[in-house]
N, C-alpha and C. Protein backbone atom coordinates (compact mmCIF):
# COMPACT_ATOMS: atom_id res chain seq x y z
N MET A 1 -6.23 16.20 32.09
CA MET A 1 -5.34 15.90 30.97
C MET A 1 -6.07 15.04 29.93
N ALA A 2 -5.79 15.35 28.65
CA ALA A 2 -6.41 14.56 27.60
C ALA A 2 -5.74 13.20 27.50
N GLU A 3 -6.55 12.18 27.26
CA GLU A 3 -6.00 10.83 27.14
C GLU A 3 -5.27 10.70 25.82
N PRO A 4 -4.16 9.97 25.79
CA PRO A 4 -3.43 9.80 24.54
C PRO A 4 -4.28 9.04 23.53
N GLN A 5 -4.21 9.49 22.28
CA GLN A 5 -5.01 8.87 21.23
C GLN A 5 -4.43 7.51 20.86
N SER A 6 -5.31 6.56 20.59
CA SER A 6 -4.86 5.22 20.22
C SER A 6 -4.16 5.26 18.86
N GLU A 7 -3.40 4.22 18.56
CA GLU A 7 -2.64 4.19 17.31
C GLU A 7 -3.58 4.22 16.12
N TYR A 8 -3.06 4.73 15.02
CA TYR A 8 -3.87 4.85 13.80
C TYR A 8 -4.26 3.45 13.33
N PRO A 9 -5.50 3.28 12.81
CA PRO A 9 -5.98 1.94 12.46
C PRO A 9 -5.32 1.31 11.24
N VAL A 10 -4.29 1.93 10.71
CA VAL A 10 -3.51 1.35 9.61
C VAL A 10 -2.05 1.38 10.03
N GLN A 11 -1.44 0.21 10.20
CA GLN A 11 -0.07 0.11 10.69
C GLN A 11 0.76 -0.75 9.73
N LEU A 12 1.94 -0.24 9.38
CA LEU A 12 2.86 -0.97 8.52
C LEU A 12 4.19 -1.15 9.22
N HIS A 13 4.70 -2.39 9.21
CA HIS A 13 6.02 -2.69 9.75
C HIS A 13 6.74 -3.62 8.78
N ILE A 14 7.95 -3.24 8.42
CA ILE A 14 8.78 -4.05 7.53
C ILE A 14 10.11 -4.32 8.24
N ASP A 15 10.45 -5.58 8.41
CA ASP A 15 11.67 -5.94 9.12
C ASP A 15 12.90 -5.47 8.35
N TYR A 16 13.82 -4.84 9.08
CA TYR A 16 15.08 -4.42 8.46
C TYR A 16 15.99 -5.64 8.28
N PRO A 17 16.46 -5.89 7.06
CA PRO A 17 17.31 -7.07 6.81
C PRO A 17 18.73 -6.83 7.30
N ASP A 18 18.97 -7.15 8.55
CA ASP A 18 20.28 -6.90 9.17
C ASP A 18 21.26 -8.02 8.82
N ARG A 19 21.52 -8.13 7.53
CA ARG A 19 22.45 -9.14 7.04
C ARG A 19 22.88 -8.71 5.63
N PRO A 20 23.95 -9.30 5.09
CA PRO A 20 24.38 -8.95 3.73
C PRO A 20 23.25 -9.17 2.71
N ARG A 21 23.09 -8.20 1.83
CA ARG A 21 22.03 -8.28 0.83
C ARG A 21 22.47 -9.08 -0.39
N ASP A 22 21.50 -9.56 -1.14
CA ASP A 22 21.76 -10.30 -2.37
C ASP A 22 22.06 -9.30 -3.49
N ARG A 23 23.33 -9.12 -3.79
CA ARG A 23 23.72 -8.11 -4.78
C ARG A 23 23.28 -8.49 -6.19
N LEU A 24 23.31 -9.78 -6.50
CA LEU A 24 22.93 -10.21 -7.84
C LEU A 24 21.47 -9.89 -8.12
N SER A 25 20.57 -10.21 -7.18
CA SER A 25 19.16 -9.91 -7.40
C SER A 25 18.91 -8.41 -7.37
N THR A 26 19.77 -7.67 -6.65
CA THR A 26 19.64 -6.21 -6.63
C THR A 26 19.93 -5.64 -8.01
N VAL A 27 20.96 -6.16 -8.67
CA VAL A 27 21.32 -5.68 -10.01
C VAL A 27 20.17 -5.87 -10.99
N PHE A 28 19.52 -7.03 -10.92
CA PHE A 28 18.47 -7.36 -11.88
C PHE A 28 17.06 -7.21 -11.30
N ARG A 29 16.93 -6.38 -10.26
CA ARG A 29 15.66 -6.29 -9.54
C ARG A 29 14.48 -5.92 -10.45
N LEU A 30 14.66 -4.96 -11.33
CA LEU A 30 13.56 -4.53 -12.20
C LEU A 30 13.12 -5.64 -13.15
N ILE A 31 14.09 -6.45 -13.60
CA ILE A 31 13.74 -7.57 -14.48
C ILE A 31 13.03 -8.67 -13.69
N LEU A 32 13.55 -8.97 -12.51
CA LEU A 32 12.93 -10.00 -11.67
C LEU A 32 11.54 -9.58 -11.20
N PHE A 33 11.32 -8.31 -11.14
CA PHE A 33 10.04 -7.77 -10.68
C PHE A 33 8.91 -7.97 -11.69
N ILE A 34 9.24 -8.13 -12.95
CA ILE A 34 8.22 -8.17 -14.01
C ILE A 34 7.17 -9.26 -13.80
N PRO A 35 7.53 -10.53 -13.51
CA PRO A 35 6.48 -11.56 -13.36
C PRO A 35 5.49 -11.25 -12.25
N ILE A 36 5.97 -10.85 -11.07
CA ILE A 36 5.04 -10.59 -9.97
C ILE A 36 4.26 -9.31 -10.22
N ALA A 37 4.86 -8.36 -10.94
CA ALA A 37 4.14 -7.14 -11.30
C ALA A 37 2.99 -7.46 -12.24
N PHE A 38 3.20 -8.43 -13.12
CA PHE A 38 2.13 -8.84 -14.05
C PHE A 38 1.00 -9.51 -13.29
N ILE A 39 1.35 -10.36 -12.32
CA ILE A 39 0.32 -10.98 -11.48
C ILE A 39 -0.47 -9.92 -10.73
N LEU A 40 0.23 -8.96 -10.16
CA LEU A 40 -0.44 -7.88 -9.44
C LEU A 40 -1.36 -7.09 -10.37
N PHE A 41 -0.90 -6.87 -11.59
CA PHE A 41 -1.74 -6.16 -12.56
C PHE A 41 -3.01 -6.93 -12.87
N LEU A 42 -2.89 -8.25 -12.98
CA LEU A 42 -4.06 -9.07 -13.30
C LEU A 42 -5.11 -9.04 -12.19
N VAL A 43 -4.68 -9.02 -10.94
CA VAL A 43 -5.65 -9.00 -9.84
C VAL A 43 -6.10 -7.59 -9.49
N SER A 44 -5.39 -6.59 -10.03
CA SER A 44 -5.74 -5.20 -9.74
C SER A 44 -6.60 -4.57 -10.82
N GLY A 45 -6.68 -5.21 -11.97
CA GLY A 45 -7.45 -4.67 -13.08
C GLY A 45 -7.87 -5.77 -14.01
N SER A 46 -8.18 -5.43 -15.23
CA SER A 46 -8.60 -6.45 -16.19
C SER A 46 -8.05 -6.12 -17.56
N ILE A 47 -7.84 -7.18 -18.37
CA ILE A 47 -7.35 -7.03 -19.73
C ILE A 47 -8.45 -7.51 -20.69
N PRO A 48 -9.13 -6.60 -21.41
CA PRO A 48 -10.19 -7.01 -22.32
C PRO A 48 -9.64 -7.49 -23.66
N PHE A 49 -10.27 -8.51 -24.22
CA PHE A 49 -9.95 -8.94 -25.57
C PHE A 49 -11.17 -9.67 -26.14
N GLU A 50 -11.16 -9.88 -27.44
CA GLU A 50 -12.32 -10.47 -28.11
C GLU A 50 -12.00 -11.87 -28.60
N VAL A 51 -12.97 -12.76 -28.40
CA VAL A 51 -12.89 -14.12 -28.90
C VAL A 51 -14.19 -14.43 -29.60
N GLY A 52 -14.11 -14.64 -30.91
CA GLY A 52 -15.32 -14.93 -31.67
C GLY A 52 -16.37 -13.83 -31.58
N GLY A 53 -15.91 -12.60 -31.51
CA GLY A 53 -16.85 -11.49 -31.44
C GLY A 53 -17.35 -11.18 -30.05
N GLU A 54 -16.99 -12.03 -29.08
CA GLU A 54 -17.41 -11.81 -27.70
C GLU A 54 -16.28 -11.15 -26.90
N SER A 55 -16.64 -10.16 -26.12
CA SER A 55 -15.66 -9.46 -25.30
C SER A 55 -15.46 -10.22 -23.99
N ILE A 56 -14.20 -10.54 -23.69
CA ILE A 56 -13.84 -11.28 -22.48
C ILE A 56 -12.78 -10.48 -21.73
N ALA A 57 -12.84 -10.52 -20.42
CA ALA A 57 -11.85 -9.81 -19.61
C ALA A 57 -11.12 -10.78 -18.71
N ILE A 58 -9.80 -10.68 -18.71
CA ILE A 58 -8.99 -11.48 -17.82
C ILE A 58 -8.58 -10.59 -16.65
N GLY A 59 -8.75 -11.08 -15.44
CA GLY A 59 -8.38 -10.30 -14.28
C GLY A 59 -9.59 -10.01 -13.41
N SER A 60 -9.37 -9.20 -12.38
CA SER A 60 -10.44 -8.84 -11.46
C SER A 60 -10.59 -7.34 -11.41
N GLY A 61 -11.41 -6.86 -10.51
CA GLY A 61 -11.74 -5.44 -10.51
C GLY A 61 -10.86 -4.57 -9.66
N GLY A 62 -9.85 -5.11 -8.99
CA GLY A 62 -9.00 -4.29 -8.16
C GLY A 62 -9.67 -3.89 -6.86
N VAL A 63 -9.14 -2.83 -6.25
CA VAL A 63 -9.67 -2.36 -4.97
C VAL A 63 -11.08 -1.80 -5.16
N LEU A 64 -11.98 -2.20 -4.26
CA LEU A 64 -13.36 -1.72 -4.32
C LEU A 64 -13.44 -0.36 -3.65
N ILE A 65 -13.79 0.67 -4.42
CA ILE A 65 -13.90 2.02 -3.87
C ILE A 65 -15.30 2.58 -4.06
N PHE A 66 -15.73 2.71 -5.32
CA PHE A 66 -17.03 3.33 -5.58
C PHE A 66 -18.21 2.55 -5.00
N PRO A 67 -18.19 1.20 -5.06
CA PRO A 67 -19.27 0.48 -4.39
C PRO A 67 -19.30 0.75 -2.90
N LEU A 68 -18.12 0.93 -2.29
CA LEU A 68 -18.06 1.23 -0.86
C LEU A 68 -18.67 2.59 -0.55
N VAL A 69 -18.38 3.56 -1.41
CA VAL A 69 -18.94 4.90 -1.21
C VAL A 69 -20.46 4.82 -1.19
N LEU A 70 -21.02 4.08 -2.14
CA LEU A 70 -22.48 3.96 -2.22
C LEU A 70 -23.04 3.18 -1.03
N MET A 71 -22.33 2.11 -0.64
CA MET A 71 -22.82 1.29 0.47
C MET A 71 -22.80 2.07 1.78
N ILE A 72 -21.74 2.81 2.02
CA ILE A 72 -21.65 3.61 3.25
C ILE A 72 -22.65 4.76 3.22
N LEU A 73 -22.78 5.38 2.05
CA LEU A 73 -23.67 6.53 1.91
C LEU A 73 -25.14 6.16 2.13
N PHE A 74 -25.58 5.07 1.52
CA PHE A 74 -27.00 4.74 1.56
C PHE A 74 -27.38 3.68 2.59
N ARG A 75 -26.43 2.80 2.95
CA ARG A 75 -26.75 1.74 3.89
C ARG A 75 -25.95 1.82 5.18
N LYS A 76 -24.90 2.63 5.18
CA LYS A 76 -23.97 2.73 6.31
C LYS A 76 -23.47 1.35 6.72
N LYS A 77 -23.00 0.62 5.71
CA LYS A 77 -22.47 -0.73 5.90
C LYS A 77 -21.13 -0.84 5.18
N TYR A 78 -20.26 -1.68 5.74
CA TYR A 78 -18.98 -2.00 5.11
C TYR A 78 -18.89 -3.52 5.11
N PRO A 79 -19.32 -4.17 4.01
CA PRO A 79 -19.30 -5.64 3.98
C PRO A 79 -17.92 -6.21 4.30
N ARG A 80 -17.91 -7.19 5.17
CA ARG A 80 -16.64 -7.75 5.64
C ARG A 80 -15.83 -8.33 4.50
N TRP A 81 -16.46 -9.01 3.56
CA TRP A 81 -15.67 -9.63 2.50
C TRP A 81 -15.09 -8.58 1.55
N TRP A 82 -15.74 -7.43 1.42
CA TRP A 82 -15.15 -6.33 0.65
C TRP A 82 -13.89 -5.82 1.35
N PHE A 83 -13.99 -5.69 2.67
CA PHE A 83 -12.85 -5.25 3.47
C PHE A 83 -11.69 -6.24 3.33
N ASP A 84 -11.98 -7.54 3.46
CA ASP A 84 -10.93 -8.56 3.37
C ASP A 84 -10.25 -8.54 2.01
N TRP A 85 -11.03 -8.39 0.96
CA TRP A 85 -10.47 -8.34 -0.40
C TRP A 85 -9.54 -7.14 -0.54
N ASN A 86 -10.03 -5.97 -0.14
CA ASN A 86 -9.24 -4.75 -0.26
C ASN A 86 -7.93 -4.83 0.52
N VAL A 87 -8.00 -5.33 1.74
CA VAL A 87 -6.82 -5.39 2.59
C VAL A 87 -5.81 -6.40 2.04
N GLU A 88 -6.27 -7.57 1.62
CA GLU A 88 -5.34 -8.57 1.10
C GLU A 88 -4.68 -8.09 -0.19
N LEU A 89 -5.43 -7.40 -1.03
CA LEU A 89 -4.84 -6.85 -2.25
C LEU A 89 -3.82 -5.77 -1.90
N LEU A 90 -4.14 -4.96 -0.91
CA LEU A 90 -3.21 -3.92 -0.47
C LEU A 90 -1.95 -4.54 0.12
N ARG A 91 -2.09 -5.61 0.88
CA ARG A 91 -0.92 -6.29 1.44
C ARG A 91 -0.03 -6.86 0.33
N PHE A 92 -0.65 -7.46 -0.67
CA PHE A 92 0.10 -8.02 -1.79
C PHE A 92 0.87 -6.91 -2.53
N SER A 93 0.19 -5.81 -2.81
CA SER A 93 0.85 -4.71 -3.52
C SER A 93 1.96 -4.09 -2.67
N THR A 94 1.79 -4.08 -1.35
CA THR A 94 2.82 -3.54 -0.46
C THR A 94 4.05 -4.44 -0.46
N ARG A 95 3.84 -5.76 -0.48
CA ARG A 95 4.98 -6.69 -0.56
C ARG A 95 5.76 -6.51 -1.86
N THR A 96 5.02 -6.35 -2.96
CA THR A 96 5.71 -6.16 -4.24
C THR A 96 6.44 -4.82 -4.26
N GLY A 97 5.84 -3.81 -3.63
CA GLY A 97 6.50 -2.51 -3.54
C GLY A 97 7.77 -2.58 -2.72
N ALA A 98 7.73 -3.34 -1.62
CA ALA A 98 8.91 -3.50 -0.78
C ALA A 98 10.03 -4.20 -1.55
N TYR A 99 9.66 -5.11 -2.44
CA TYR A 99 10.66 -5.85 -3.22
C TYR A 99 11.32 -4.94 -4.25
N VAL A 100 10.52 -4.18 -4.99
CA VAL A 100 11.08 -3.36 -6.06
C VAL A 100 11.84 -2.16 -5.52
N THR A 101 11.53 -1.72 -4.30
CA THR A 101 12.29 -0.62 -3.70
C THR A 101 13.45 -1.13 -2.86
N LEU A 102 13.76 -2.42 -2.99
CA LEU A 102 14.95 -3.05 -2.40
C LEU A 102 14.88 -3.20 -0.89
N LEU A 103 13.69 -3.03 -0.30
CA LEU A 103 13.59 -3.18 1.15
C LEU A 103 13.79 -4.63 1.58
N ARG A 104 13.39 -5.56 0.72
CA ARG A 104 13.54 -6.98 1.02
C ARG A 104 14.07 -7.71 -0.20
N ASP A 105 14.76 -8.84 0.03
CA ASP A 105 15.29 -9.65 -1.06
C ASP A 105 14.39 -10.83 -1.42
N GLU A 106 13.59 -11.32 -0.44
CA GLU A 106 12.76 -12.47 -0.76
C GLU A 106 11.67 -12.09 -1.76
N TYR A 107 11.40 -13.00 -2.69
CA TYR A 107 10.41 -12.71 -3.73
C TYR A 107 9.03 -12.60 -3.10
N PRO A 108 8.24 -11.61 -3.52
CA PRO A 108 6.93 -11.38 -2.87
C PRO A 108 6.00 -12.58 -2.98
N SER A 109 5.42 -12.94 -1.87
CA SER A 109 4.42 -14.00 -1.85
C SER A 109 3.05 -13.41 -2.23
N THR A 110 2.23 -14.24 -2.85
CA THR A 110 0.88 -13.77 -3.19
C THR A 110 -0.08 -13.85 -2.02
N ASP A 111 0.31 -14.59 -0.95
CA ASP A 111 -0.63 -14.76 0.16
C ASP A 111 -0.01 -14.73 1.55
N GLU A 112 1.31 -14.83 1.67
CA GLU A 112 1.94 -14.84 2.99
C GLU A 112 2.54 -13.48 3.31
N ALA A 113 2.49 -13.09 4.58
CA ALA A 113 2.94 -11.76 4.99
C ALA A 113 4.45 -11.58 4.84
N GLN A 114 5.21 -12.67 5.00
CA GLN A 114 6.67 -12.60 4.97
C GLN A 114 7.16 -11.59 6.02
N ALA A 115 8.01 -10.64 5.62
CA ALA A 115 8.53 -9.66 6.58
C ALA A 115 7.82 -8.32 6.47
N VAL A 116 6.75 -8.28 5.68
CA VAL A 116 5.98 -7.05 5.48
C VAL A 116 4.62 -7.23 6.14
N ARG A 117 4.41 -6.52 7.24
CA ARG A 117 3.18 -6.69 8.01
C ARG A 117 2.33 -5.42 7.94
N LEU A 118 1.19 -5.56 7.29
CA LEU A 118 0.25 -4.45 7.17
C LEU A 118 -1.03 -4.83 7.93
N ASP A 119 -1.34 -4.07 8.96
CA ASP A 119 -2.52 -4.33 9.78
C ASP A 119 -3.53 -3.20 9.61
N VAL A 120 -4.76 -3.59 9.27
CA VAL A 120 -5.83 -2.62 9.08
C VAL A 120 -7.01 -3.04 9.95
N THR A 121 -7.52 -2.13 10.73
CA THR A 121 -8.63 -2.44 11.64
C THR A 121 -9.96 -2.36 10.89
N TYR A 122 -10.75 -3.43 11.03
CA TYR A 122 -12.07 -3.45 10.40
C TYR A 122 -12.99 -2.47 11.11
N PRO A 123 -13.63 -1.56 10.37
CA PRO A 123 -14.44 -0.52 11.02
C PRO A 123 -15.86 -0.98 11.33
N ASP A 124 -16.42 -0.43 12.39
CA ASP A 124 -17.84 -0.58 12.68
C ASP A 124 -18.53 0.58 11.97
N ALA A 125 -19.05 0.30 10.78
CA ALA A 125 -19.59 1.37 9.94
C ALA A 125 -20.71 2.15 10.63
N GLN A 126 -21.50 1.46 11.43
CA GLN A 126 -22.63 2.13 12.08
C GLN A 126 -22.19 3.19 13.08
N SER A 127 -21.13 2.91 13.83
CA SER A 127 -20.73 3.83 14.90
C SER A 127 -19.45 4.60 14.60
N GLU A 128 -18.62 4.14 13.64
CA GLU A 128 -17.33 4.76 13.44
C GLU A 128 -17.21 5.55 12.14
N LEU A 129 -18.10 5.33 11.19
CA LEU A 129 -17.98 5.98 9.89
C LEU A 129 -19.15 6.93 9.64
N ASN A 130 -18.80 8.15 9.24
CA ASN A 130 -19.81 9.13 8.84
C ASN A 130 -20.24 8.81 7.41
N GLN A 131 -21.53 8.63 7.20
CA GLN A 131 -21.98 8.17 5.89
C GLN A 131 -21.79 9.18 4.78
N PHE A 132 -21.63 10.46 5.09
CA PHE A 132 -21.47 11.48 4.05
C PHE A 132 -20.01 11.87 3.81
N LEU A 133 -19.14 11.51 4.73
CA LEU A 133 -17.73 11.91 4.62
C LEU A 133 -17.03 11.31 3.39
N PRO A 134 -17.37 10.10 2.93
CA PRO A 134 -16.70 9.58 1.74
C PRO A 134 -16.83 10.47 0.51
N LEU A 135 -17.84 11.33 0.49
CA LEU A 135 -18.03 12.22 -0.66
C LEU A 135 -16.98 13.32 -0.73
N VAL A 136 -16.35 13.63 0.40
CA VAL A 136 -15.41 14.76 0.42
C VAL A 136 -14.01 14.37 0.90
N LYS A 137 -13.79 13.10 1.23
CA LYS A 137 -12.48 12.71 1.74
C LYS A 137 -11.37 12.96 0.73
N TRP A 138 -11.66 12.78 -0.55
CA TRP A 138 -10.65 13.01 -1.57
C TRP A 138 -10.19 14.47 -1.56
N LEU A 139 -11.10 15.39 -1.21
CA LEU A 139 -10.75 16.80 -1.13
C LEU A 139 -10.02 17.12 0.17
N LEU A 140 -10.47 16.52 1.26
CA LEU A 140 -9.84 16.76 2.56
C LEU A 140 -8.39 16.26 2.57
N ALA A 141 -8.12 15.24 1.75
CA ALA A 141 -6.78 14.66 1.73
C ALA A 141 -5.82 15.43 0.84
N LEU A 142 -6.26 16.53 0.23
CA LEU A 142 -5.42 17.31 -0.69
C LEU A 142 -4.08 17.72 -0.09
N PRO A 143 -4.01 18.19 1.17
CA PRO A 143 -2.69 18.53 1.74
C PRO A 143 -1.73 17.34 1.74
N HIS A 144 -2.26 16.14 1.95
CA HIS A 144 -1.40 14.96 1.93
C HIS A 144 -0.87 14.69 0.53
N TYR A 145 -1.70 14.91 -0.50
CA TYR A 145 -1.22 14.68 -1.86
C TYR A 145 -0.01 15.55 -2.16
N ILE A 146 -0.06 16.81 -1.72
CA ILE A 146 1.03 17.74 -1.99
C ILE A 146 2.31 17.29 -1.28
N VAL A 147 2.16 16.95 -0.01
CA VAL A 147 3.34 16.50 0.76
C VAL A 147 3.89 15.21 0.18
N LEU A 148 3.00 14.27 -0.15
CA LEU A 148 3.45 12.98 -0.67
C LEU A 148 4.15 13.11 -2.01
N LEU A 149 3.77 14.09 -2.80
CA LEU A 149 4.45 14.31 -4.08
C LEU A 149 5.94 14.51 -3.87
N PHE A 150 6.30 15.34 -2.90
CA PHE A 150 7.70 15.61 -2.62
C PHE A 150 8.37 14.42 -1.91
N LEU A 151 7.61 13.76 -1.04
CA LEU A 151 8.16 12.61 -0.34
C LEU A 151 8.47 11.47 -1.30
N ILE A 152 7.60 11.25 -2.26
CA ILE A 152 7.81 10.16 -3.22
C ILE A 152 8.96 10.47 -4.17
N LEU A 153 9.10 11.75 -4.53
CA LEU A 153 10.27 12.13 -5.34
C LEU A 153 11.56 11.86 -4.55
N GLY A 154 11.52 12.19 -3.26
CA GLY A 154 12.67 11.89 -2.40
C GLY A 154 12.90 10.40 -2.28
N GLU A 155 11.81 9.64 -2.23
CA GLU A 155 11.93 8.18 -2.14
C GLU A 155 12.63 7.60 -3.37
N LEU A 156 12.29 8.11 -4.54
CA LEU A 156 12.92 7.64 -5.77
C LEU A 156 14.42 7.86 -5.73
N ILE A 157 14.83 9.03 -5.28
CA ILE A 157 16.25 9.34 -5.17
C ILE A 157 16.92 8.42 -4.15
N VAL A 158 16.25 8.20 -3.03
CA VAL A 158 16.80 7.34 -1.97
C VAL A 158 16.98 5.91 -2.47
N VAL A 159 16.02 5.40 -3.23
CA VAL A 159 16.12 4.03 -3.74
C VAL A 159 17.29 3.90 -4.72
N ILE A 160 17.47 4.90 -5.57
CA ILE A 160 18.60 4.86 -6.51
C ILE A 160 19.93 4.87 -5.76
N ILE A 161 20.03 5.75 -4.76
CA ILE A 161 21.25 5.80 -3.95
C ILE A 161 21.48 4.46 -3.24
N SER A 162 20.40 3.90 -2.68
CA SER A 162 20.51 2.64 -1.96
C SER A 162 20.93 1.50 -2.88
N TRP A 163 20.50 1.54 -4.12
CA TRP A 163 20.87 0.52 -5.10
C TRP A 163 22.40 0.47 -5.24
N PHE A 164 23.02 1.63 -5.37
CA PHE A 164 24.47 1.69 -5.49
C PHE A 164 25.16 1.28 -4.19
N VAL A 165 24.60 1.72 -3.06
CA VAL A 165 25.21 1.38 -1.77
C VAL A 165 25.19 -0.13 -1.55
N ILE A 166 24.06 -0.77 -1.89
CA ILE A 166 23.97 -2.23 -1.72
C ILE A 166 24.99 -2.94 -2.60
N LEU A 167 25.16 -2.46 -3.82
CA LEU A 167 26.13 -3.10 -4.73
C LEU A 167 27.55 -3.02 -4.18
N PHE A 168 27.89 -1.91 -3.54
CA PHE A 168 29.26 -1.72 -3.06
C PHE A 168 29.49 -2.24 -1.64
N THR A 169 28.45 -2.20 -0.81
CA THR A 169 28.64 -2.57 0.60
C THR A 169 27.83 -3.79 1.02
N GLY A 170 26.81 -4.16 0.24
CA GLY A 170 25.95 -5.27 0.61
C GLY A 170 24.95 -4.92 1.69
N ARG A 171 24.78 -3.63 2.00
CA ARG A 171 23.88 -3.18 3.05
C ARG A 171 22.94 -2.09 2.55
N TYR A 172 21.76 -2.04 3.12
CA TYR A 172 20.81 -0.96 2.86
C TYR A 172 20.91 -0.02 4.05
N PRO A 173 21.43 1.20 3.89
CA PRO A 173 21.58 2.11 5.04
C PRO A 173 20.25 2.25 5.79
N LYS A 174 20.30 2.02 7.09
CA LYS A 174 19.06 1.98 7.87
C LYS A 174 18.27 3.29 7.82
N PRO A 175 18.91 4.46 7.88
CA PRO A 175 18.13 5.69 7.78
C PRO A 175 17.37 5.80 6.45
N LEU A 176 18.01 5.35 5.37
CA LEU A 176 17.35 5.38 4.07
C LEU A 176 16.22 4.35 4.03
N PHE A 177 16.47 3.18 4.61
CA PHE A 177 15.44 2.14 4.72
C PHE A 177 14.22 2.67 5.46
N ASN A 178 14.46 3.31 6.60
CA ASN A 178 13.35 3.84 7.41
C ASN A 178 12.58 4.93 6.66
N TYR A 179 13.28 5.70 5.84
CA TYR A 179 12.59 6.74 5.08
C TYR A 179 11.63 6.12 4.06
N VAL A 180 12.11 5.12 3.32
CA VAL A 180 11.26 4.48 2.31
C VAL A 180 10.05 3.80 2.97
N VAL A 181 10.29 3.12 4.09
CA VAL A 181 9.19 2.50 4.82
C VAL A 181 8.20 3.57 5.30
N GLY A 182 8.73 4.69 5.79
CA GLY A 182 7.88 5.76 6.28
C GLY A 182 7.01 6.37 5.20
N VAL A 183 7.57 6.57 4.01
CA VAL A 183 6.77 7.12 2.90
C VAL A 183 5.69 6.13 2.50
N THR A 184 6.03 4.85 2.48
CA THR A 184 5.04 3.82 2.17
C THR A 184 3.93 3.81 3.21
N ARG A 185 4.30 3.91 4.47
CA ARG A 185 3.33 3.94 5.57
C ARG A 185 2.40 5.14 5.43
N TRP A 186 2.96 6.30 5.16
CA TRP A 186 2.18 7.53 4.99
C TRP A 186 1.18 7.36 3.84
N SER A 187 1.66 6.84 2.71
CA SER A 187 0.80 6.64 1.53
C SER A 187 -0.35 5.69 1.84
N LEU A 188 -0.05 4.61 2.56
CA LEU A 188 -1.08 3.63 2.88
C LEU A 188 -2.14 4.22 3.79
N ARG A 189 -1.75 5.05 4.73
CA ARG A 189 -2.72 5.67 5.62
C ARG A 189 -3.65 6.60 4.86
N VAL A 190 -3.08 7.38 3.95
CA VAL A 190 -3.91 8.28 3.15
C VAL A 190 -4.85 7.46 2.26
N GLY A 191 -4.32 6.39 1.65
CA GLY A 191 -5.14 5.54 0.81
C GLY A 191 -6.26 4.87 1.58
N ALA A 192 -5.97 4.46 2.81
CA ALA A 192 -7.00 3.82 3.63
C ALA A 192 -8.08 4.81 4.05
N TYR A 193 -7.68 6.06 4.21
CA TYR A 193 -8.63 7.11 4.62
C TYR A 193 -9.56 7.50 3.48
N MET A 194 -9.01 7.79 2.30
CA MET A 194 -9.85 8.31 1.22
C MET A 194 -10.20 7.29 0.14
N GLY A 195 -9.55 6.11 0.16
CA GLY A 195 -9.83 5.10 -0.84
C GLY A 195 -10.53 3.88 -0.26
N LEU A 196 -9.88 3.23 0.71
CA LEU A 196 -10.49 2.07 1.35
C LEU A 196 -11.61 2.46 2.31
N LEU A 197 -11.59 3.71 2.79
CA LEU A 197 -12.65 4.25 3.64
C LEU A 197 -12.81 3.47 4.95
N VAL A 198 -11.71 2.97 5.50
CA VAL A 198 -11.80 2.15 6.72
C VAL A 198 -11.81 3.00 7.99
N THR A 199 -11.54 4.29 7.86
CA THR A 199 -11.52 5.14 9.05
C THR A 199 -11.86 6.57 8.67
N ASP A 200 -12.41 7.31 9.63
CA ASP A 200 -12.67 8.73 9.45
C ASP A 200 -11.60 9.58 10.14
N ARG A 201 -10.68 8.93 10.83
CA ARG A 201 -9.60 9.67 11.49
C ARG A 201 -8.63 10.20 10.44
N TYR A 202 -8.36 11.48 10.51
CA TYR A 202 -7.48 12.10 9.52
C TYR A 202 -6.07 11.54 9.68
N PRO A 203 -5.42 11.18 8.56
CA PRO A 203 -4.08 10.59 8.65
C PRO A 203 -3.07 11.56 9.25
N PRO A 204 -2.17 11.06 10.09
CA PRO A 204 -1.14 11.93 10.69
C PRO A 204 -0.06 12.30 9.66
N PHE A 205 0.50 13.48 9.84
CA PHE A 205 1.60 13.93 8.97
C PHE A 205 2.91 13.47 9.59
N ARG A 206 3.21 12.19 9.42
CA ARG A 206 4.46 11.67 9.96
C ARG A 206 4.84 10.38 9.25
N LEU A 207 6.13 10.08 9.26
CA LEU A 207 6.66 8.86 8.66
C LEU A 207 6.68 7.71 9.65
N SER A 208 6.70 8.01 10.92
CA SER A 208 6.85 6.99 11.96
C SER A 208 5.53 6.26 12.19
N PRO A 209 5.56 5.12 12.88
CA PRO A 209 4.32 4.36 13.17
C PRO A 209 3.35 5.18 14.01
């Protein structure tokens, strides 16, 4: 008998808020989201402007992808601090995503996990990563892009429905909650496979952990 495969090296768990939701913050969620979205934008990219003829950029470079492709391709290395930066930025963006999709009421922290736990296993590049696979992972992930397109459209509809349900009942229906979490989990696994390059294991086609 074949041994059961270990869990995928990217795991997301978001605690279900089994209590009355904050209806007031739900009503104004998109407005309340703006400040933390701006912070996320600043750490995910840069805003260029000129001062005295000199070009200055505010912000950072976002997730490191192309340098990783080159490092794995030519050196077969995945620098630990690059991994830490990518994962922490991904965790921050996941917390903000959980807030705007109404999964949680607490305002997203810039550094604490809160009720959104994203675990990513640091890869041993020498033994676990194929140095040439990063060149084609974006193509291999094409079936996931197609499926995710429909899943994300469904997620948008689910969030809108949940917004009204929370306003009237103070609850986020658990099946709808699990669907949104599942789509987020699926997206993160695909992103970790073809963007963060932390694993060569093909992402599973499932919403569950």
